[in-house]
N, C-alpha and C. Protein backbone atom coordinates (compact mmCIF):
# COMPACT_ATOMS: atom_id res chain seq x y z
N MET A 1 23.50 -19.79 31.40
CA MET A 1 23.13 -21.23 31.18
C MET A 1 24.16 -21.90 30.07
N LYS A 2 24.70 -23.17 30.44
CA LYS A 2 25.37 -23.90 29.33
C LYS A 2 24.49 -24.80 28.82
N ILE A 3 24.52 -25.05 27.24
CA ILE A 3 24.11 -26.51 26.49
C ILE A 3 24.94 -27.10 25.97
N LEU A 4 25.06 -28.24 26.38
CA LEU A 4 25.65 -29.41 25.26
C LEU A 4 24.93 -29.80 24.25
N GLY A 5 25.18 -29.03 23.02
CA GLY A 5 24.30 -29.88 21.95
C GLY A 5 24.96 -31.15 21.37
N ILE A 6 24.15 -31.74 20.85
CA ILE A 6 24.77 -33.42 20.48
C ILE A 6 24.14 -33.55 19.25
N ASP A 7 24.87 -33.99 18.02
CA ASP A 7 24.37 -34.70 16.86
C ASP A 7 24.74 -36.05 16.76
N PRO A 8 23.75 -36.95 17.09
CA PRO A 8 24.18 -38.47 17.59
C PRO A 8 24.72 -39.06 16.49
N GLY A 9 25.58 -40.15 16.74
CA GLY A 9 26.19 -41.05 15.89
C GLY A 9 27.07 -42.01 16.62
N TYR A 10 27.72 -43.14 16.12
CA TYR A 10 28.65 -43.93 17.13
C TYR A 10 29.87 -43.86 16.32
N GLY A 11 29.85 -43.76 14.97
CA GLY A 11 31.41 -43.73 14.28
C GLY A 11 31.75 -42.53 14.69
N ARG A 12 31.17 -41.27 14.71
CA ARG A 12 31.37 -40.13 14.98
C ARG A 12 30.00 -39.09 15.50
N ALA A 13 30.01 -38.84 16.66
CA ALA A 13 29.07 -37.80 17.24
C ALA A 13 29.41 -36.61 17.51
N GLY A 14 28.89 -35.41 16.92
CA GLY A 14 29.03 -33.95 17.08
C GLY A 14 28.74 -33.64 18.33
N TRP A 15 29.27 -32.70 19.05
CA TRP A 15 28.80 -32.24 20.22
C TRP A 15 29.41 -30.43 20.23
N SER A 16 28.93 -29.81 21.05
CA SER A 16 29.10 -28.36 21.05
C SER A 16 28.73 -28.05 22.52
N ILE A 17 29.41 -26.79 22.98
CA ILE A 17 29.05 -26.02 24.38
C ILE A 17 28.88 -25.03 24.03
N LEU A 18 27.80 -24.39 24.26
CA LEU A 18 27.10 -23.03 24.22
C LEU A 18 26.60 -22.43 24.96
N GLU A 19 27.20 -21.01 25.44
CA GLU A 19 26.86 -20.41 26.62
C GLU A 19 25.47 -19.22 26.32
N LYS A 20 24.62 -19.41 27.01
CA LYS A 20 23.59 -18.20 26.69
C LYS A 20 23.81 -17.23 27.82
N GLU A 21 23.82 -16.10 27.88
CA GLU A 21 24.06 -15.19 28.88
C GLU A 21 23.61 -13.79 28.42
N LYS A 22 22.44 -13.54 29.39
CA LYS A 22 21.80 -12.06 29.08
C LYS A 22 21.36 -12.01 27.37
N GLY A 23 20.99 -13.03 26.82
CA GLY A 23 20.48 -12.81 25.70
C GLY A 23 21.75 -13.35 24.49
N LYS A 24 22.80 -13.31 25.00
CA LYS A 24 23.85 -13.57 24.20
C LYS A 24 24.48 -14.93 23.89
N LEU A 25 24.64 -15.42 22.70
CA LEU A 25 25.08 -16.63 22.35
C LEU A 25 26.69 -16.89 22.23
N THR A 26 27.35 -17.61 23.11
CA THR A 26 28.72 -17.56 22.81
C THR A 26 29.22 -18.99 22.56
N LEU A 27 29.75 -19.46 21.60
CA LEU A 27 30.21 -20.68 21.48
C LEU A 27 31.54 -21.16 22.18
N LEU A 28 31.64 -22.09 23.14
CA LEU A 28 32.62 -22.04 24.23
C LEU A 28 33.70 -23.19 23.42
N ASP A 29 32.90 -24.28 22.83
CA ASP A 29 33.84 -25.32 22.54
C ASP A 29 32.94 -26.08 21.47
N PHE A 30 33.72 -26.99 20.85
CA PHE A 30 32.82 -28.06 20.16
C PHE A 30 33.80 -29.00 19.42
N GLY A 31 33.55 -30.15 19.18
CA GLY A 31 34.48 -31.31 18.53
C GLY A 31 33.52 -32.57 18.18
N CYS A 32 34.26 -33.78 18.08
CA CYS A 32 33.43 -34.94 17.55
C CYS A 32 33.87 -36.06 18.61
N VAL A 33 33.09 -36.99 19.02
CA VAL A 33 33.43 -38.10 19.62
C VAL A 33 33.70 -39.08 18.63
N GLU A 34 34.89 -39.83 18.28
CA GLU A 34 35.06 -40.69 17.51
C GLU A 34 35.52 -42.06 17.93
N THR A 35 34.82 -42.94 17.24
CA THR A 35 35.21 -44.36 17.64
C THR A 35 35.51 -45.03 16.46
N SER A 36 36.53 -46.27 16.71
CA SER A 36 37.31 -47.02 15.83
C SER A 36 36.39 -48.21 15.45
N LYS A 37 36.38 -48.25 13.73
CA LYS A 37 35.35 -49.53 13.43
C LYS A 37 36.28 -50.82 13.84
N GLY A 38 37.39 -50.79 14.48
CA GLY A 38 37.83 -52.26 15.13
C GLY A 38 37.40 -52.39 16.26
N LEU A 39 36.84 -51.72 16.91
CA LEU A 39 36.10 -52.01 18.33
C LEU A 39 34.83 -52.55 17.97
N GLU A 40 34.61 -53.57 19.13
CA GLU A 40 33.41 -54.17 19.48
C GLU A 40 32.27 -52.80 19.70
N HIS A 41 31.13 -53.22 18.95
CA HIS A 41 30.21 -52.39 19.36
C HIS A 41 29.77 -51.42 20.69
N ALA A 42 30.03 -52.61 21.40
CA ALA A 42 29.63 -52.27 23.14
C ALA A 42 30.50 -51.35 23.35
N ASP A 43 31.98 -51.61 23.05
CA ASP A 43 33.18 -50.83 23.55
C ASP A 43 33.04 -49.50 22.78
N ARG A 44 32.33 -49.44 21.64
CA ARG A 44 32.31 -47.92 20.71
C ARG A 44 31.17 -46.97 21.71
N LEU A 45 30.08 -47.70 22.34
CA LEU A 45 29.06 -47.35 22.75
C LEU A 45 29.67 -46.62 24.23
N LYS A 46 30.37 -47.43 25.00
CA LYS A 46 31.02 -47.13 26.23
C LYS A 46 32.11 -45.89 25.90
N GLN A 47 32.69 -45.93 24.92
CA GLN A 47 33.64 -44.66 24.40
C GLN A 47 32.89 -43.58 24.42
N VAL A 48 31.78 -43.69 23.48
CA VAL A 48 30.82 -42.52 23.25
C VAL A 48 30.28 -41.72 24.57
N SER A 49 30.08 -42.67 25.56
CA SER A 49 29.52 -42.30 27.22
C SER A 49 30.76 -41.85 27.95
N ASP A 50 31.99 -42.30 27.56
CA ASP A 50 33.05 -41.59 28.42
C ASP A 50 33.65 -40.36 27.94
N ASP A 51 33.37 -40.44 26.58
CA ASP A 51 33.83 -39.04 25.90
C ASP A 51 32.81 -37.67 26.35
N ILE A 52 31.63 -38.26 26.28
CA ILE A 52 30.73 -37.35 26.63
C ILE A 52 30.77 -36.88 28.11
N ILE A 53 30.87 -37.74 28.96
CA ILE A 53 31.41 -37.65 30.48
C ILE A 53 32.35 -36.59 30.43
N SER A 54 33.52 -36.72 29.81
CA SER A 54 34.52 -35.70 29.85
C SER A 54 34.13 -34.25 29.47
N VAL A 55 33.17 -34.46 28.35
CA VAL A 55 32.82 -32.88 27.95
C VAL A 55 31.99 -32.28 29.27
N ILE A 56 31.08 -33.05 29.77
CA ILE A 56 30.40 -32.68 30.84
C ILE A 56 31.13 -32.15 31.84
N LYS A 57 32.01 -32.76 32.56
CA LYS A 57 33.20 -32.52 33.75
C LYS A 57 33.75 -31.42 33.33
N LYS A 58 34.20 -31.11 32.34
CA LYS A 58 35.00 -30.15 31.80
C LYS A 58 34.09 -28.71 31.76
N HIS A 59 33.09 -28.85 31.21
CA HIS A 59 32.30 -27.70 30.97
C HIS A 59 31.12 -27.40 31.82
N LYS A 60 30.54 -28.29 32.16
CA LYS A 60 29.58 -28.37 33.29
C LYS A 60 28.14 -27.67 32.75
N PRO A 61 27.73 -28.24 31.61
CA PRO A 61 26.47 -27.70 31.17
C PRO A 61 25.33 -28.06 31.93
N ASP A 62 24.29 -27.14 31.59
CA ASP A 62 22.95 -27.27 32.29
C ASP A 62 22.01 -28.25 31.82
N THR A 63 22.31 -28.27 30.45
CA THR A 63 21.05 -28.77 29.55
C THR A 63 21.88 -29.41 28.29
N LEU A 64 21.08 -30.72 28.02
CA LEU A 64 21.48 -31.51 26.77
C LEU A 64 20.46 -31.12 25.83
N ALA A 65 20.87 -30.89 24.32
CA ALA A 65 20.15 -30.31 23.44
C ALA A 65 20.36 -31.70 22.39
N ILE A 66 19.49 -32.38 21.90
CA ILE A 66 20.04 -33.51 20.92
C ILE A 66 18.95 -33.88 19.86
N GLU A 67 19.65 -33.97 18.79
CA GLU A 67 18.77 -34.17 17.58
C GLU A 67 17.81 -35.61 17.94
N GLN A 68 16.64 -35.73 17.33
CA GLN A 68 15.83 -36.98 17.18
C GLN A 68 16.12 -37.37 16.15
N LEU A 69 15.87 -38.97 15.81
CA LEU A 69 16.28 -39.38 14.51
C LEU A 69 14.83 -39.73 13.93
N PHE A 70 14.72 -39.40 12.63
CA PHE A 70 13.56 -39.35 12.14
C PHE A 70 13.41 -40.37 10.85
N PHE A 71 14.50 -40.56 10.03
CA PHE A 71 14.38 -41.35 9.09
C PHE A 71 15.88 -42.30 8.79
N PHE A 72 16.05 -43.40 8.17
CA PHE A 72 17.06 -43.74 7.87
C PHE A 72 17.14 -44.53 6.52
N LYS A 73 18.38 -44.68 5.93
CA LYS A 73 18.56 -45.34 4.66
C LYS A 73 18.84 -46.66 4.78
N ASN A 74 19.68 -47.01 6.02
CA ASN A 74 20.25 -48.40 6.41
C ASN A 74 19.75 -48.77 7.86
N LEU A 75 19.00 -49.99 8.06
CA LEU A 75 18.40 -50.23 9.22
C LEU A 75 19.62 -50.42 10.05
N THR A 76 20.51 -50.94 10.00
CA THR A 76 21.58 -51.52 10.89
C THR A 76 22.31 -50.19 11.29
N THR A 77 22.56 -49.26 10.36
CA THR A 77 23.16 -48.05 10.90
C THR A 77 22.07 -47.39 11.79
N ALA A 78 20.91 -47.22 11.49
CA ALA A 78 19.93 -46.51 12.31
C ALA A 78 19.86 -46.97 13.51
N ILE A 79 19.78 -48.30 13.59
CA ILE A 79 19.66 -49.06 15.17
C ILE A 79 20.91 -48.86 15.77
N LYS A 80 22.19 -48.59 15.31
CA LYS A 80 23.53 -48.67 16.07
C LYS A 80 23.44 -46.73 16.44
N VAL A 81 22.85 -45.99 15.42
CA VAL A 81 23.07 -44.56 15.90
C VAL A 81 21.98 -44.47 16.83
N ALA A 82 20.74 -45.13 16.89
CA ALA A 82 19.85 -44.93 18.02
C ALA A 82 20.10 -45.56 19.28
N GLU A 83 21.17 -46.49 19.31
CA GLU A 83 21.66 -46.89 20.41
C GLU A 83 22.69 -45.80 21.00
N SER A 84 23.49 -45.41 20.38
CA SER A 84 24.44 -44.10 20.54
C SER A 84 23.46 -43.32 21.17
N ARG A 85 22.49 -42.99 20.48
CA ARG A 85 21.80 -41.50 21.14
C ARG A 85 21.35 -41.99 22.50
N GLY A 86 20.76 -43.32 22.54
CA GLY A 86 20.40 -43.61 24.00
C GLY A 86 21.36 -43.63 25.08
N VAL A 87 22.85 -44.04 24.76
CA VAL A 87 23.77 -43.96 25.78
C VAL A 87 23.95 -42.48 26.19
N VAL A 88 23.78 -41.52 24.93
CA VAL A 88 23.97 -40.11 25.36
C VAL A 88 22.83 -39.67 26.35
N LEU A 89 21.64 -40.00 26.05
CA LEU A 89 20.61 -39.65 26.98
C LEU A 89 20.67 -40.01 28.15
N LEU A 90 21.11 -41.56 28.56
CA LEU A 90 21.42 -41.99 29.75
C LEU A 90 22.68 -41.29 30.68
N THR A 91 23.57 -40.99 30.12
CA THR A 91 24.70 -40.13 30.31
C THR A 91 24.44 -38.96 30.74
N ALA A 92 23.52 -38.24 30.18
CA ALA A 92 22.99 -37.16 30.68
C ALA A 92 22.18 -36.89 31.67
N SER A 93 21.26 -37.88 31.57
CA SER A 93 20.32 -38.00 32.75
C SER A 93 20.90 -38.57 34.00
N GLN A 94 22.10 -39.27 33.91
CA GLN A 94 22.71 -39.57 35.14
C GLN A 94 23.74 -38.48 35.70
N ASN A 95 24.16 -37.35 34.93
CA ASN A 95 24.67 -36.38 35.04
C ASN A 95 23.88 -35.31 35.58
N HIS A 96 22.46 -35.41 35.58
CA HIS A 96 21.58 -34.57 36.01
C HIS A 96 21.30 -33.12 35.06
N LEU A 97 21.37 -33.29 33.73
CA LEU A 97 21.16 -32.53 32.83
C LEU A 97 19.90 -32.45 32.40
N ASP A 98 19.17 -31.15 32.13
CA ASP A 98 17.90 -31.11 31.68
C ASP A 98 17.91 -31.61 30.09
N ILE A 99 17.05 -32.40 29.62
CA ILE A 99 17.13 -32.83 28.28
C ILE A 99 16.12 -32.32 27.44
N LYS A 100 16.49 -31.84 26.24
CA LYS A 100 15.57 -31.04 25.10
C LYS A 100 15.72 -31.76 23.87
N GLU A 101 14.92 -32.31 23.18
CA GLU A 101 15.04 -33.06 22.02
C GLU A 101 14.39 -32.41 20.73
N TYR A 102 14.91 -32.25 19.62
CA TYR A 102 14.47 -31.51 18.47
C TYR A 102 14.67 -32.55 17.38
N THR A 103 13.60 -32.19 16.31
CA THR A 103 13.71 -32.94 15.17
C THR A 103 14.74 -32.14 14.16
N PRO A 104 15.05 -33.18 13.19
CA PRO A 104 15.88 -32.01 12.51
C PRO A 104 15.19 -30.90 11.53
N LEU A 105 13.94 -31.31 11.18
CA LEU A 105 13.12 -30.31 10.56
C LEU A 105 13.10 -29.09 11.71
N GLN A 106 12.66 -29.07 12.85
CA GLN A 106 12.60 -27.97 14.02
C GLN A 106 14.05 -27.35 14.16
N ILE A 107 15.13 -27.96 13.90
CA ILE A 107 16.54 -27.44 13.67
C ILE A 107 16.70 -26.68 12.71
N LYS A 108 16.58 -27.21 11.41
CA LYS A 108 16.71 -26.45 10.31
C LYS A 108 15.72 -25.20 9.95
N GLN A 109 14.57 -25.17 10.55
CA GLN A 109 13.68 -24.03 10.35
C GLN A 109 14.09 -23.19 11.48
N ALA A 110 14.79 -23.54 12.70
CA ALA A 110 15.12 -22.49 13.73
C ALA A 110 16.50 -21.90 13.24
N ILE A 111 17.15 -22.87 12.45
CA ILE A 111 18.23 -22.10 11.88
C ILE A 111 18.37 -21.15 10.97
N THR A 112 17.80 -21.95 9.88
CA THR A 112 17.98 -21.19 8.41
C THR A 112 16.30 -20.88 7.88
N GLY A 113 15.18 -21.29 8.65
CA GLY A 113 13.94 -20.64 8.31
C GLY A 113 13.35 -21.49 7.21
N TYR A 114 14.16 -22.66 6.80
CA TYR A 114 13.70 -23.74 5.80
C TYR A 114 13.89 -24.88 6.06
N GLY A 115 12.90 -25.75 6.43
CA GLY A 115 13.06 -27.17 6.42
C GLY A 115 13.84 -28.03 5.91
N ARG A 116 14.34 -27.57 4.58
CA ARG A 116 14.79 -28.40 3.84
C ARG A 116 16.46 -28.02 3.60
N ALA A 117 16.76 -27.20 4.56
CA ALA A 117 18.20 -26.55 4.15
C ALA A 117 19.26 -27.79 4.33
N ASP A 118 20.11 -27.88 3.55
CA ASP A 118 21.24 -28.56 3.55
C ASP A 118 22.26 -28.12 4.51
N LYS A 119 23.44 -29.41 4.87
CA LYS A 119 24.38 -28.76 5.67
C LYS A 119 24.92 -27.47 5.44
N ASN A 120 25.35 -27.49 4.12
CA ASN A 120 26.17 -25.79 3.97
C ASN A 120 25.39 -24.68 4.40
N GLN A 121 24.35 -24.77 4.35
CA GLN A 121 23.14 -23.41 4.54
C GLN A 121 23.21 -23.84 5.99
N ILE A 122 23.25 -24.68 6.71
CA ILE A 122 23.23 -24.89 8.36
C ILE A 122 24.58 -24.20 8.73
N GLY A 123 25.73 -24.81 8.37
CA GLY A 123 27.01 -24.39 8.53
C GLY A 123 26.99 -22.63 8.49
N GLN A 124 26.50 -22.25 7.46
CA GLN A 124 26.72 -20.84 7.13
C GLN A 124 25.79 -20.00 8.20
N MET A 125 24.90 -20.56 8.43
CA MET A 125 23.75 -19.81 9.30
C MET A 125 24.35 -19.68 10.69
N VAL A 126 25.30 -21.11 11.13
CA VAL A 126 25.62 -21.17 12.50
C VAL A 126 26.89 -20.04 12.54
N LYS A 127 27.75 -19.97 11.35
CA LYS A 127 28.85 -18.97 11.50
C LYS A 127 28.18 -17.80 11.81
N THR A 128 26.90 -17.43 10.88
CA THR A 128 26.63 -16.06 10.71
C THR A 128 26.01 -15.48 12.37
N ILE A 129 25.04 -16.68 12.88
CA ILE A 129 24.39 -16.46 14.25
C ILE A 129 25.36 -15.97 15.30
N LEU A 130 26.35 -17.17 15.34
CA LEU A 130 27.59 -16.82 16.37
C LEU A 130 28.49 -15.67 15.88
N GLY A 131 28.60 -15.19 14.93
CA GLY A 131 29.75 -14.10 14.62
C GLY A 131 31.09 -15.07 14.42
N LEU A 132 31.14 -16.11 13.87
CA LEU A 132 32.51 -16.98 13.83
C LEU A 132 33.03 -16.40 12.63
N LYS A 133 34.31 -16.76 12.52
CA LYS A 133 35.26 -16.45 11.38
C LYS A 133 35.27 -17.72 10.35
N GLU A 134 34.96 -18.89 10.91
CA GLU A 134 34.75 -20.07 9.98
C GLU A 134 33.62 -21.05 10.77
N ILE A 135 32.98 -21.64 9.35
CA ILE A 135 32.19 -22.66 10.16
C ILE A 135 32.73 -23.78 10.85
N PRO A 136 31.96 -24.03 12.07
CA PRO A 136 32.77 -25.22 12.74
C PRO A 136 32.85 -26.60 11.93
N THR A 137 34.16 -27.37 11.94
CA THR A 137 34.13 -28.58 11.14
C THR A 137 34.47 -29.72 12.24
N PRO A 138 34.22 -30.90 11.77
CA PRO A 138 33.71 -31.47 10.79
C PRO A 138 32.07 -30.79 10.89
N ASP A 139 31.22 -31.43 9.66
CA ASP A 139 29.67 -31.07 9.61
C ASP A 139 28.94 -31.49 11.01
N ASP A 140 29.38 -32.58 11.46
CA ASP A 140 28.63 -33.41 12.72
C ASP A 140 28.82 -32.24 14.15
N ALA A 141 30.11 -31.80 13.92
CA ALA A 141 30.19 -30.55 15.00
C ALA A 141 29.19 -29.27 14.52
N ALA A 142 29.16 -28.84 13.54
CA ALA A 142 28.49 -27.85 12.99
C ALA A 142 26.79 -27.88 13.51
N ASP A 143 26.71 -29.45 13.18
CA ASP A 143 25.27 -29.77 13.16
C ASP A 143 24.86 -29.70 14.85
N ALA A 144 26.08 -30.04 15.65
CA ALA A 144 26.00 -30.05 17.14
C ALA A 144 25.73 -28.80 17.74
N VAL A 145 26.29 -27.74 17.25
CA VAL A 145 26.12 -26.39 17.40
C VAL A 145 24.74 -25.69 17.18
N ALA A 146 24.05 -26.29 15.87
CA ALA A 146 23.05 -25.74 15.48
C ALA A 146 21.87 -26.43 16.48
N VAL A 147 22.02 -27.62 17.13
CA VAL A 147 20.99 -28.12 17.90
C VAL A 147 21.16 -27.33 19.05
N ALA A 148 22.29 -26.79 19.78
CA ALA A 148 22.33 -25.99 20.82
C ALA A 148 21.62 -24.64 20.57
N ILE A 149 22.06 -23.92 19.41
CA ILE A 149 21.56 -22.82 19.16
C ILE A 149 19.64 -22.87 19.23
N THR A 150 19.28 -23.94 18.57
CA THR A 150 17.82 -24.24 18.58
C THR A 150 17.51 -24.20 20.08
N CYS A 151 18.28 -24.81 20.90
CA CYS A 151 17.74 -25.21 22.27
C CYS A 151 17.66 -23.47 22.74
N ALA A 152 18.70 -22.85 22.76
CA ALA A 152 19.00 -21.54 23.33
C ALA A 152 17.85 -20.53 23.10
N ASN A 153 17.44 -20.66 21.65
CA ASN A 153 16.38 -19.79 21.22
C ASN A 153 15.03 -20.17 21.57
N SER A 154 14.95 -21.41 21.90
CA SER A 154 13.61 -21.78 22.31
C SER A 154 13.14 -22.04 23.77
N ILE A 155 14.17 -21.62 24.55
CA ILE A 155 14.32 -21.44 26.19
C ILE A 155 13.57 -20.13 26.32
């Protein structure tokens, strides 16, 4: 089974492809979708969709695992991130992926055993769980890997 993990965003959204085969987890690829501040918001959303479609076509995942939004400091940013998240959900649905959603608390507990873990702790555990030499960067990509691990271990 291949899982597309997503840490939603519109300026930068992390993604990862994790394979679970016979109980073993293998990180196949990861990265970020980055959009330019100079683009209109609708064009940024289209770019997010186009880039996610490219990842789906290249890796052919079975499942999308995506982080739910749960709080915000800036309403305008939260709305834009929510719209981007909606675009990712629609894109996944149109490409017939099974969709699993996880709260940040569920992800932190699944990865570190602690619901208030910081980004460094998440990254270190992603590295340890998958036996990687380095933490995936940037943080958004590492968070996307954490989402995919959470999904893989909950199925």
